[in-house]
Amino acid sequence: MFIVLLSSSALVFPRCTVGSGPIFIVGDALAQSTLTVSTYGILDTTAGDPVYMALEGKIAAWTATRDGLAAQIKALLEGAEFGGDAINEQQAKGIISQAQTLLDEAAACAANPGNCAK
């Protein structure tokens, strides 16, 4: 399985494979988590907006991580498509692990944004 992170939709390309599994493009889970977290921050009424600022900082960090992972994935896919390069399975698994960690972190924050803002 290979995960590609986007910001707006989840698509599956079962004919494109890395190792023994299909390529998955995941975006909805991260988008939903960030929407939940951002909404919580916006609705918080704490003076000075510390909750909002903390949560938006987390969202910015997740976005930067997602963009970094997307750049790595793009390089792998372009190398395979246009350069005939084999995709290193260990490298792909590392990216998948980082992507899953990102999704898990965002989901945990969305489940309890008040605690996440601390």
Foldseek 3Di string as FASTA:
>chain_A
DFEQEDADDKDWDQVDDADPGTYIYDHVLLNVLLVLLQVVQVPDDDPPSLLNVLSVVLNVVLVVLNVVLNVVVVVQVCCCVPVVDRRDPVVRVVSVVSVVVSSVVSVVCSVPVVVSSD
